[in-house]
Amino acid sequence: MKKSNSNSLNSLKNYQKWLENQNFSPITIKGYVSGVKYYGLNNNKLTNKIISEFFKNKVKKLAVNSLINYLTALKSYAKFRKIKTIDWEKIRKVIPKTQRKFFDTINQKELEQLKQTRFEKREKTYQRNNLLLDFFFYTGLRMNELINIKHSDYNHRQRTLSVLGKGNKVRYILLPPFLARHFNPNSLSYFFNNPIKEKPLSIRMIEEIIRQRVKKSRLNKNITPHSFRRSFATNLYNKCKKLTSVQKLLGHSNISTTANYIHNSYEEIYQDYRQIWI
């Protein structure tokens, strides 16, 4: 038993390192590792029958979103172990289907409301945080991608910004001129850095910046760093109606994932619904 425990712990440690090398965010890594732990590698092997039975037993005990998160974690772990015999589509049918939740997004007017709200004492910090909000809103970058941008990542001739995304995939981001002008071609430092430590801003710091801005702006929405990515997808799609363009800019390999990022607000959907009765 002790040997089995030791093997599973070593496997999880190697899995975590693999996720880190794939450039997944710390939040995603924590969620995936927790999901695999919950599955229990000591008692459950990765086979179609055992995985199906695991989810059948959990259907009445856990929320659908939790089940889906655990399934996603196991799919990732199987990929790490190079196990290709699992019929994930069949296993997914064990989990009840549910309607997508409403997620809060923001528009340009609400972005300006957040930018005009101030909790920072130093003017330089206030302006940096405004630039941070602009980058989130106009690029749709993941938080882990944003904090690792360096000045040297922007190509002034081609007008593109290279970012390292999930799976160690490099993609190229288009920037509006008012954001591109902030890049210094002679600097090797991080674009959003902590001037005290000369390191990139931490994820926790960015989360706190947005939390403070949302709170003080009295914007009655649940806005997180990831909300900006959903906002980018929604706003862009509503203007261009080209899902493939949104897909490329978000860096999704599957277009169905992109479709799930587009969220019209509850108010917009409610207004559409009301038109049925007018």
C-alpha atoms as a PDB file:
ATOM      1  CA  MET A   1       0.000   0.000   0.000  1.00  0.00           C
ATOM      2  CA  LYS A   2       2.818   2.358   0.911  1.00  0.00           C
ATOM      3  CA  LYS A   3       4.515   1.650  -2.410  1.00  0.00           C
ATOM      4  CA  SER A   4       1.251   2.406  -4.230  1.00  0.00           C
ATOM      5  CA  ASN A   5       0.895   5.708  -2.377  1.00  0.00           C
ATOM      6  CA  SER A   6       4.474   6.626  -3.222  1.00  0.00           C
ATOM      7  CA  ASN A   7       3.972   5.817  -6.906  1.00  0.00           C
ATOM      8  CA  SER A   8       0.819   7.934  -7.132  1.00  0.00           C
ATOM      9  CA  LEU A   9       2.494  10.868  -5.391  1.00  0.00           C
ATOM     10  CA  ASN A  10       5.447  10.704  -7.758  1.00  0.00           C
ATOM     11  CA  SER A  11       3.088  10.484 -10.694  1.00  0.00           C
ATOM     12  CA  LEU A  12       1.192  13.574  -9.515  1.00  0.00           C
ATOM     13  CA  LYS A  13       4.430  15.489  -9.037  1.00  0.00           C
ATOM     14  CA  ASN A  14       5.547  14.595 -12.550  1.00  0.00           C
ATOM     15  CA  TYR A  15       2.095  15.502 -13.855  1.00  0.00           C
ATOM     16  CA  GLN A  16       2.294  18.900 -12.177  1.00  0.00           C
ATOM     17  CA  LYS A  17       5.713  19.539 -13.724  1.00  0.00           C
ATOM     18  CA  TRP A  18       4.315  18.509 -17.112  1.00  0.00           C
ATOM     19  CA  LEU A  19       1.478  21.015 -16.742  1.00  0.00           C
ATOM     20  CA  GLU A  20       3.944  23.740 -15.772  1.00  0.00           C
ATOM     21  CA  ASN A  21       6.038  22.959 -18.842  1.00  0.00           C
ATOM     22  CA  GLN A  22       2.867  23.208 -20.931  1.00  0.00           C
ATOM     23  CA  ASN A  23       2.506  26.772 -19.640  1.00  0.00           C
ATOM     24  CA  PHE A  24      -0.816  26.250 -17.856  1.00  0.00           C
ATOM     25  CA  SER A  25      -1.740  28.870 -15.287  1.00  0.00           C
ATOM     26  CA  PRO A  26      -1.218  28.099 -11.564  1.00  0.00           C
ATOM     27  CA  ILE A  27      -5.005  28.149 -11.067  1.00  0.00           C
ATOM     28  CA  THR A  28      -5.563  25.579 -13.826  1.00  0.00           C
ATOM     29  CA  ILE A  29      -2.723  23.390 -12.537  1.00  0.00           C
ATOM     30  CA  LYS A  30      -4.152  23.412  -9.026  1.00  0.00           C
ATOM     31  CA  GLY A  31      -7.608  22.474 -10.342  1.00  0.00           C
ATOM     32  CA  TYR A  32      -6.317  19.630 -12.516  1.00  0.00           C
ATOM     33  CA  VAL A  33      -4.131  18.126  -9.799  1.00  0.00           C
ATOM     34  CA  SER A  34      -6.982  18.364  -7.271  1.00  0.00           C
ATOM     35  CA  GLY A  35      -9.309  16.648  -9.736  1.00  0.00           C
ATOM     36  CA  VAL A  36      -6.910  13.748 -10.264  1.00  0.00           C
ATOM     37  CA  LYS A  37      -6.397  13.432  -6.506  1.00  0.00           C
ATOM     38  CA  TYR A  38     -10.149  13.320  -5.983  1.00  0.00           C
ATOM     39  CA  TYR A  39     -10.437  10.507  -8.520  1.00  0.00           C
ATOM     40  CA  GLY A  40      -7.945   8.529  -6.409  1.00  0.00           C
ATOM     41  CA  LEU A  41      -5.147   6.912  -8.359  1.00  0.00           C
ATOM     42  CA  ASN A  42      -4.515   4.368  -5.590  1.00  0.00           C
ATOM     43  CA  ASN A  43      -7.921   2.707  -5.982  1.00  0.00           C
ATOM     44  CA  ASN A  44      -8.964   3.681  -9.495  1.00  0.00           C
ATOM     45  CA  LYS A  45      -7.115   2.858 -12.680  1.00  0.00           C
ATOM     46  CA  LEU A  46      -7.669   4.784 -15.899  1.00  0.00           C
ATOM     47  CA  THR A  47      -9.949   2.434 -17.795  1.00  0.00           C
ATOM     48  CA  ASN A  48     -13.271   3.054 -19.533  1.00  0.00           C
ATOM     49  CA  LYS A  49     -15.188   0.884 -17.078  1.00  0.00           C
ATOM     50  CA  ILE A  50     -13.681   2.302 -13.876  1.00  0.00           C
ATOM     51  CA  ILE A  51     -13.940   5.944 -14.990  1.00  0.00           C
ATOM     52  CA  SER A  52     -17.585   5.436 -16.043  1.00  0.00           C
ATOM     53  CA  GLU A  53     -18.444   3.801 -12.714  1.00  0.00           C
ATOM     54  CA  PHE A  54     -16.703   6.633 -10.859  1.00  0.00           C
ATOM     55  CA  PHE A  55     -18.899   9.266 -12.518  1.00  0.00           C
ATOM     56  CA  LYS A  56     -22.077   7.175 -12.212  1.00  0.00           C
ATOM     57  CA  ASN A  57     -21.487   7.019  -8.456  1.00  0.00           C
ATOM     58  CA  LYS A  58     -20.869  10.763  -8.228  1.00  0.00           C
ATOM     59  CA  VAL A  59     -23.799  11.990 -10.368  1.00  0.00           C
ATOM     60  CA  LYS A  60     -26.189  12.360  -7.406  1.00  0.00           C
ATOM     61  CA  LYS A  61     -23.506  13.646  -5.045  1.00  0.00           C
ATOM     62  CA  LEU A  62     -21.822  16.420  -7.022  1.00  0.00           C
ATOM     63  CA  ALA A  63     -22.891  19.389  -9.125  1.00  0.00           C
ATOM     64  CA  VAL A  64     -22.654  18.964 -12.892  1.00  0.00           C
ATOM     65  CA  ASN A  65     -19.934  21.631 -13.191  1.00  0.00           C
ATOM     66  CA  SER A  66     -17.804  19.784 -10.620  1.00  0.00           C
ATOM     67  CA  LEU A  67     -18.209  16.534 -12.544  1.00  0.00           C
ATOM     68  CA  ILE A  68     -17.165  18.229 -15.780  1.00  0.00           C
ATOM     69  CA  ASN A  69     -14.124  19.773 -14.076  1.00  0.00           C
ATOM     70  CA  TYR A  70     -13.049  16.349 -12.791  1.00  0.00           C
ATOM     71  CA  LEU A  71     -13.572  14.840 -16.239  1.00  0.00           C
ATOM     72  CA  THR A  72     -11.415  17.567 -17.810  1.00  0.00           C
ATOM     73  CA  ALA A  73      -8.684  16.904 -15.239  1.00  0.00           C
ATOM     74  CA  LEU A  74      -8.705  13.164 -15.973  1.00  0.00           C
ATOM     75  CA  LYS A  75      -8.544  13.776 -19.736  1.00  0.00           C
ATOM     76  CA  SER A  76      -5.495  15.956 -19.162  1.00  0.00           C
ATOM     77  CA  TYR A  77      -3.871  13.345 -16.910  1.00  0.00           C
ATOM     78  CA  ALA A  78      -4.520  10.591 -19.476  1.00  0.00           C
ATOM     79  CA  LYS A  79      -2.840  12.765 -22.109  1.00  0.00           C
ATOM     80  CA  PHE A  80       0.153  13.134 -19.773  1.00  0.00           C
ATOM     81  CA  ARG A  81       0.266   9.339 -19.337  1.00  0.00           C
ATOM     82  CA  LYS A  82      -0.209   8.897 -23.122  1.00  0.00           C
ATOM     83  CA  ILE A  83      -3.266   6.710 -22.567  1.00  0.00           C
ATOM     84  CA  LYS A  84      -5.326   6.743 -25.761  1.00  0.00           C
ATOM     85  CA  THR A  85      -7.812   3.939 -25.103  1.00  0.00           C
ATOM     86  CA  ILE A  86     -10.393   6.004 -23.172  1.00  0.00           C
ATOM     87  CA  ASP A  87     -13.694   6.772 -24.918  1.00  0.00           C
ATOM     88  CA  TRP A  88     -14.222  10.230 -23.424  1.00  0.00           C
ATOM     89  CA  GLU A  89     -17.329  10.989 -25.490  1.00  0.00           C
ATOM     90  CA  LYS A  90     -19.069   7.907 -24.110  1.00  0.00           C
ATOM     91  CA  ILE A  91     -18.041   8.757 -20.544  1.00  0.00           C
ATOM     92  CA  ARG A  92     -19.272  12.348 -20.992  1.00  0.00           C
ATOM     93  CA  LYS A  93     -22.767  10.961 -21.643  1.00  0.00           C
ATOM     94  CA  VAL A  94     -22.830   9.669 -18.060  1.00  0.00           C
ATOM     95  CA  ILE A  95     -22.802  13.285 -16.822  1.00  0.00           C
ATOM     96  CA  PRO A  96     -26.138  15.151 -17.157  1.00  0.00           C
ATOM     97  CA  LYS A  97     -26.232  17.989 -19.651  1.00  0.00           C
ATOM     98  CA  THR A  98     -26.882  21.460 -18.350  1.00  0.00           C
ATOM     99  CA  GLN A  99     -27.587  24.842 -19.885  1.00  0.00           C
ATOM    100  CA  ARG A 100     -24.668  27.246 -19.961  1.00  0.00           C
ATOM    101  CA  LYS A 101     -24.573  29.703 -17.101  1.00  0.00           C
ATOM    102  CA  PHE A 102     -24.821  33.447 -17.579  1.00  0.00           C
ATOM    103  CA  PHE A 103     -21.400  35.032 -17.179  1.00  0.00           C
ATOM    104  CA  ASP A 104     -20.936  38.735 -16.648  1.00  0.00           C
ATOM    105  CA  THR A 105     -19.107  40.635 -19.370  1.00  0.00           C
ATOM    106  CA  ILE A 106     -18.363  44.333 -19.794  1.00  0.00           C
ATOM    107  CA  ASN A 107     -18.618  46.794 -22.670  1.00  0.00           C
ATOM    108  CA  GLN A 108     -16.485  49.851 -23.485  1.00  0.00           C
ATOM    109  CA  LYS A 109     -18.596  52.150 -21.331  1.00  0.00           C
ATOM    110  CA  GLU A 110     -18.113  49.876 -18.320  1.00  0.00           C
ATOM    111  CA  LEU A 111     -14.400  49.617 -19.079  1.00  0.00           C
ATOM    112  CA  GLU A 112     -14.163  53.410 -18.850  1.00  0.00           C
ATOM    113  CA  GLN A 113     -16.078  53.283 -15.579  1.00  0.00           C
ATOM    114  CA  LEU A 114     -13.465  50.906 -14.177  1.00  0.00           C
ATOM    115  CA  LYS A 115     -10.605  53.053 -15.489  1.00  0.00           C
ATOM    116  CA  GLN A 116     -11.996  56.218 -13.918  1.00  0.00           C
ATOM    117  CA  THR A 117     -12.228  54.517 -10.529  1.00  0.00           C
ATOM    118  CA  ARG A 118      -9.104  54.958  -8.480  1.00  0.00           C
ATOM    119  CA  PHE A 119      -7.770  53.325  -5.328  1.00  0.00           C
ATOM    120  CA  GLU A 120      -4.048  53.702  -6.119  1.00  0.00           C
ATOM    121  CA  LYS A 121      -2.076  56.457  -4.348  1.00  0.00           C
ATOM    122  CA  ARG A 122       0.696  56.781  -6.934  1.00  0.00           C
ATOM    123  CA  GLU A 123      -0.206  58.229 -10.333  1.00  0.00           C
ATOM    124  CA  LYS A 124       2.240  55.915 -12.090  1.00  0.00           C
ATOM    125  CA  THR A 125       0.617  52.835 -10.541  1.00  0.00           C
ATOM    126  CA  TYR A 126      -2.839  54.122 -11.434  1.00  0.00           C
ATOM    127  CA  GLN A 127      -1.854  54.606 -15.084  1.00  0.00           C
ATOM    128  CA  ARG A 128      -0.165  51.188 -15.234  1.00  0.00           C
ATOM    129  CA  ASN A 129      -3.315  49.527 -13.911  1.00  0.00           C
ATOM    130  CA  ASN A 130      -5.432  51.355 -16.485  1.00  0.00           C
ATOM    131  CA  LEU A 131      -3.135  50.022 -19.187  1.00  0.00           C
ATOM    132  CA  LEU A 132      -3.562  46.568 -17.686  1.00  0.00           C
ATOM    133  CA  LEU A 133      -7.354  46.845 -18.002  1.00  0.00           C
ATOM    134  CA  ASP A 134      -7.022  48.022 -21.605  1.00  0.00           C
ATOM    135  CA  PHE A 135      -4.823  45.066 -22.478  1.00  0.00           C
ATOM    136  CA  PHE A 136      -7.263  42.595 -20.985  1.00  0.00           C
ATOM    137  CA  PHE A 137     -10.213  44.207 -22.748  1.00  0.00           C
ATOM    138  CA  TYR A 138      -8.694  44.721 -26.215  1.00  0.00           C
ATOM    139  CA  THR A 139      -6.603  41.536 -26.521  1.00  0.00           C
ATOM    140  CA  GLY A 140      -8.501  38.767 -24.703  1.00  0.00           C
ATOM    141  CA  LEU A 141      -5.244  37.444 -23.268  1.00  0.00           C
ATOM    142  CA  ARG A 142      -5.209  34.887 -20.493  1.00  0.00           C
ATOM    143  CA  MET A 143      -3.829  36.187 -17.226  1.00  0.00           C
ATOM    144  CA  ASN A 144      -0.770  33.923 -17.373  1.00  0.00           C
ATOM    145  CA  GLU A 145      -0.050  35.129 -20.914  1.00  0.00           C
ATOM    146  CA  LEU A 146      -0.383  38.770 -19.957  1.00  0.00           C
ATOM    147  CA  ILE A 147       2.008  38.755 -17.014  1.00  0.00           C
ATOM    148  CA  ASN A 148       4.757  37.115 -19.074  1.00  0.00           C
ATOM    149  CA  ILE A 149       4.754  39.657 -21.926  1.00  0.00           C
ATOM    150  CA  LYS A 150       8.080  41.406 -22.467  1.00  0.00           C
ATOM    151  CA  HIS A 151       8.770  44.574 -24.432  1.00  0.00           C
ATOM    152  CA  SER A 152      10.840  42.507 -26.873  1.00  0.00           C
ATOM    153  CA  ASP A 153       7.808  40.344 -27.739  1.00  0.00           C
ATOM    154  CA  TYR A 154       6.297  43.095 -29.868  1.00  0.00           C
ATOM    155  CA  ASN A 155       7.354  43.266 -33.509  1.00  0.00           C
ATOM    156  CA  HIS A 156       7.041  46.921 -34.556  1.00  0.00           C
ATOM    157  CA  ARG A 157       7.512  46.127 -38.246  1.00  0.00           C
ATOM    158  CA  GLN A 158       4.824  43.443 -38.424  1.00  0.00           C
ATOM    159  CA  ARG A 159       2.719  45.108 -35.709  1.00  0.00           C
ATOM    160  CA  THR A 160       2.153  41.834 -33.872  1.00  0.00           C
ATOM    161  CA  LEU A 161       2.705  40.661 -30.323  1.00  0.00           C
ATOM    162  CA  SER A 162       3.864  37.077 -29.788  1.00  0.00           C
ATOM    163  CA  VAL A 163       2.544  35.355 -26.668  1.00  0.00           C
ATOM    164  CA  LEU A 164       3.187  31.914 -25.230  1.00  0.00           C
ATOM    165  CA  GLY A 165      -0.139  30.240 -24.537  1.00  0.00           C
ATOM    166  CA  LYS A 166      -1.356  26.889 -23.283  1.00  0.00           C
ATOM    167  CA  GLY A 167       0.513  23.851 -24.496  1.00  0.00           C
ATOM    168  CA  ASN A 168       3.590  25.982 -25.185  1.00  0.00           C
ATOM    169  CA  LYS A 169       1.884  27.280 -28.325  1.00  0.00           C
ATOM    170  CA  VAL A 170       3.024  30.658 -29.624  1.00  0.00           C
ATOM    171  CA  ARG A 171       0.370  32.814 -31.244  1.00  0.00           C
ATOM    172  CA  TYR A 172       0.379  36.352 -32.586  1.00  0.00           C
ATOM    173  CA  ILE A 173      -1.866  39.092 -31.226  1.00  0.00           C
ATOM    174  CA  LEU A 174      -2.930  42.217 -33.077  1.00  0.00           C
ATOM    175  CA  LEU A 175      -2.847  45.441 -31.063  1.00  0.00           C
ATOM    176  CA  PRO A 176      -4.556  48.780 -31.581  1.00  0.00           C
ATOM    177  CA  PRO A 177      -1.992  51.596 -32.077  1.00  0.00           C
ATOM    178  CA  PHE A 178      -2.726  53.216 -28.707  1.00  0.00           C
ATOM    179  CA  LEU A 179      -1.526  50.025 -26.977  1.00  0.00           C
ATOM    180  CA  ALA A 180       1.352  49.267 -29.342  1.00  0.00           C
ATOM    181  CA  ARG A 181       3.014  52.630 -28.665  1.00  0.00           C
ATOM    182  CA  HIS A 182       3.760  51.593 -25.073  1.00  0.00           C
ATOM    183  CA  PHE A 183       6.324  48.984 -26.159  1.00  0.00           C
ATOM    184  CA  ASN A 184       9.956  49.984 -25.902  1.00  0.00           C
ATOM    185  CA  PRO A 185      12.061  48.096 -28.493  1.00  0.00           C
ATOM    186  CA  ASN A 186      15.206  48.748 -26.441  1.00  0.00           C
ATOM    187  CA  SER A 187      13.878  47.170 -23.245  1.00  0.00           C
ATOM    188  CA  LEU A 188      14.288  43.539 -22.243  1.00  0.00           C
ATOM    189  CA  SER A 189      12.096  43.777 -19.154  1.00  0.00           C
ATOM    190  CA  TYR A 190       8.575  42.512 -18.559  1.00  0.00           C
ATOM    191  CA  PHE A 191       5.862  44.792 -19.874  1.00  0.00           C
ATOM    192  CA  PHE A 192       3.845  44.698 -16.631  1.00  0.00           C
ATOM    193  CA  ASN A 193       6.443  44.542 -13.922  1.00  0.00           C
ATOM    194  CA  ASN A 194       6.598  45.070 -10.213  1.00  0.00           C
ATOM    195  CA  PRO A 195       9.080  47.989  -9.975  1.00  0.00           C
ATOM    196  CA  ILE A 196      10.035  47.054  -6.414  1.00  0.00           C
ATOM    197  CA  LYS A 197      11.084  43.488  -7.214  1.00  0.00           C
ATOM    198  CA  GLU A 198      11.807  43.965 -10.937  1.00  0.00           C
ATOM    199  CA  LYS A 199       9.620  40.935 -11.635  1.00  0.00           C
ATOM    200  CA  PRO A 200       6.343  40.518 -13.509  1.00  0.00           C
ATOM    201  CA  LEU A 201       3.152  41.284 -11.636  1.00  0.00           C
ATOM    202  CA  SER A 202       1.818  38.261  -9.786  1.00  0.00           C
ATOM    203  CA  ILE A 203      -1.543  36.704 -10.544  1.00  0.00           C
ATOM    204  CA  ARG A 204      -2.685  37.509  -7.024  1.00  0.00           C
ATOM    205  CA  MET A 205      -1.780  41.171  -7.498  1.00  0.00           C
ATOM    206  CA  ILE A 206      -3.737  41.404 -10.750  1.00  0.00           C
ATOM    207  CA  GLU A 207      -6.762  39.759  -9.165  1.00  0.00           C
ATOM    208  CA  GLU A 208      -6.622  42.288  -6.334  1.00  0.00           C
ATOM    209  CA  ILE A 209      -6.326  45.240  -8.743  1.00  0.00           C
ATOM    210  CA  ILE A 210      -9.462  44.185 -10.570  1.00  0.00           C
ATOM    211  CA  ARG A 211     -11.313  43.353  -7.362  1.00  0.00           C
ATOM    212  CA  GLN A 212     -10.593  46.808  -5.947  1.00  0.00           C
ATOM    213  CA  ARG A 213     -11.580  48.587  -9.168  1.00  0.00           C
ATOM    214  CA  VAL A 214     -14.859  46.680  -9.477  1.00  0.00           C
ATOM    215  CA  LYS A 215     -15.697  47.230  -5.828  1.00  0.00           C
ATOM    216  CA  LYS A 216     -15.019  50.965  -5.830  1.00  0.00           C
ATOM    217  CA  SER A 217     -16.696  51.524  -9.199  1.00  0.00           C
ATOM    218  CA  ARG A 218     -19.902  49.984  -7.818  1.00  0.00           C
ATOM    219  CA  LEU A 219     -20.265  48.051 -11.011  1.00  0.00           C
ATOM    220  CA  ASN A 220     -22.933  45.537 -10.098  1.00  0.00           C
ATOM    221  CA  LYS A 221     -21.267  42.617 -11.851  1.00  0.00           C
ATOM    222  CA  ASN A 222     -19.043  39.715 -10.902  1.00  0.00           C
ATOM    223  CA  ILE A 223     -15.940  40.697 -12.866  1.00  0.00           C
ATOM    224  CA  THR A 224     -12.700  38.698 -12.688  1.00  0.00           C
ATOM    225  CA  PRO A 225      -9.616  38.728 -14.939  1.00  0.00           C
ATOM    226  CA  HIS A 226     -11.174  35.943 -17.009  1.00  0.00           C
ATOM    227  CA  SER A 227     -14.328  38.031 -17.477  1.00  0.00           C
ATOM    228  CA  PHE A 228     -12.284  40.300 -19.761  1.00  0.00           C
ATOM    229  CA  ARG A 229     -11.468  37.348 -22.013  1.00  0.00           C
ATOM    230  CA  ARG A 230     -15.164  36.503 -22.273  1.00  0.00           C
ATOM    231  CA  SER A 231     -15.905  40.186 -22.879  1.00  0.00           C
ATOM    232  CA  PHE A 232     -13.353  40.316 -25.697  1.00  0.00           C
ATOM    233  CA  ALA A 233     -14.905  37.271 -27.368  1.00  0.00           C
ATOM    234  CA  THR A 234     -18.458  38.573 -26.971  1.00  0.00           C
ATOM    235  CA  ASN A 235     -17.755  42.137 -28.117  1.00  0.00           C
ATOM    236  CA  LEU A 236     -15.694  41.021 -31.108  1.00  0.00           C
ATOM    237  CA  TYR A 237     -18.250  38.458 -32.257  1.00  0.00           C
ATOM    238  CA  ASN A 238     -21.122  40.938 -31.909  1.00  0.00           C
ATOM    239  CA  LYS A 239     -19.262  43.284 -34.270  1.00  0.00           C
ATOM    240  CA  CYS A 240     -17.766  40.931 -36.856  1.00  0.00           C
ATOM    241  CA  LYS A 241     -19.977  37.810 -36.570  1.00  0.00           C
ATOM    242  CA  LYS A 242     -16.975  35.650 -37.545  1.00  0.00           C
ATOM    243  CA  LEU A 243     -16.437  32.882 -35.024  1.00  0.00           C
ATOM    244  CA  THR A 244     -13.221  31.740 -36.743  1.00  0.00           C
ATOM    245  CA  SER A 245     -11.646  35.187 -36.259  1.00  0.00           C
ATOM    246  CA  VAL A 246     -12.514  35.114 -32.564  1.00  0.00           C
ATOM    247  CA  GLN A 247     -11.107  31.582 -32.346  1.00  0.00           C
ATOM    248  CA  LYS A 248      -7.744  32.580 -33.814  1.00  0.00           C
ATOM    249  CA  LEU A 249      -7.376  35.631 -31.592  1.00  0.00           C
ATOM    250  CA  LEU A 250      -8.255  33.669 -28.447  1.00  0.00           C
ATOM    251  CA  GLY A 251      -5.899  30.842 -29.399  1.00  0.00           C
ATOM    252  CA  HIS A 252      -8.479  28.042 -29.178  1.00  0.00           C
ATOM    253  CA  SER A 253      -7.815  24.789 -31.037  1.00  0.00           C
ATOM    254  CA  ASN A 254     -11.507  23.866 -30.936  1.00  0.00           C
ATOM    255  CA  ILE A 255     -14.120  26.290 -32.245  1.00  0.00           C
ATOM    256  CA  SER A 256     -16.762  24.897 -29.872  1.00  0.00           C
ATOM    257  CA  THR A 257     -14.656  26.234 -27.002  1.00  0.00           C
ATOM    258  CA  THR A 258     -14.781  29.666 -28.630  1.00  0.00           C
ATOM    259  CA  ALA A 259     -18.563  29.498 -28.916  1.00  0.00           C
ATOM    260  CA  ASN A 260     -18.767  28.912 -25.165  1.00  0.00           C
ATOM    261  CA  TYR A 261     -16.882  32.150 -24.554  1.00  0.00           C
ATOM    262  CA  ILE A 262     -19.512  34.325 -26.193  1.00  0.00           C
ATOM    263  CA  HIS A 263     -22.009  35.624 -23.673  1.00  0.00           C
ATOM    264  CA  ASN A 264     -24.686  38.166 -24.307  1.00  0.00           C
ATOM    265  CA  SER A 265     -25.671  39.731 -21.010  1.00  0.00           C
ATOM    266  CA  TYR A 266     -28.740  38.598 -19.120  1.00  0.00           C
ATOM    267  CA  GLU A 267     -30.327  41.979 -19.882  1.00  0.00           C
ATOM    268  CA  GLU A 268     -29.783  41.541 -23.649  1.00  0.00           C
ATOM    269  CA  ILE A 269     -31.223  38.047 -23.627  1.00  0.00           C
ATOM    270  CA  TYR A 270     -34.162  39.232 -21.529  1.00  0.00           C
ATOM    271  CA  GLN A 271     -34.895  42.026 -24.006  1.00  0.00           C
ATOM    272  CA  ASP A 272     -34.813  39.522 -26.876  1.00  0.00           C
ATOM    273  CA  TYR A 273     -37.180  37.301 -24.917  1.00  0.00           C
ATOM    274  CA  ARG A 274     -39.582  40.179 -24.298  1.00  0.00           C
ATOM    275  CA  GLN A 275     -39.900  40.809 -28.017  1.00  0.00           C
ATOM    276  CA  ILE A 276     -41.811  37.537 -28.322  1.00  0.00           C
ATOM    277  CA  TRP A 277     -44.656  39.067 -26.346  1.00  0.00           C
ATOM    278  CA  ILE A 278     -44.684  42.552 -27.920  1.00  0.00           C
END
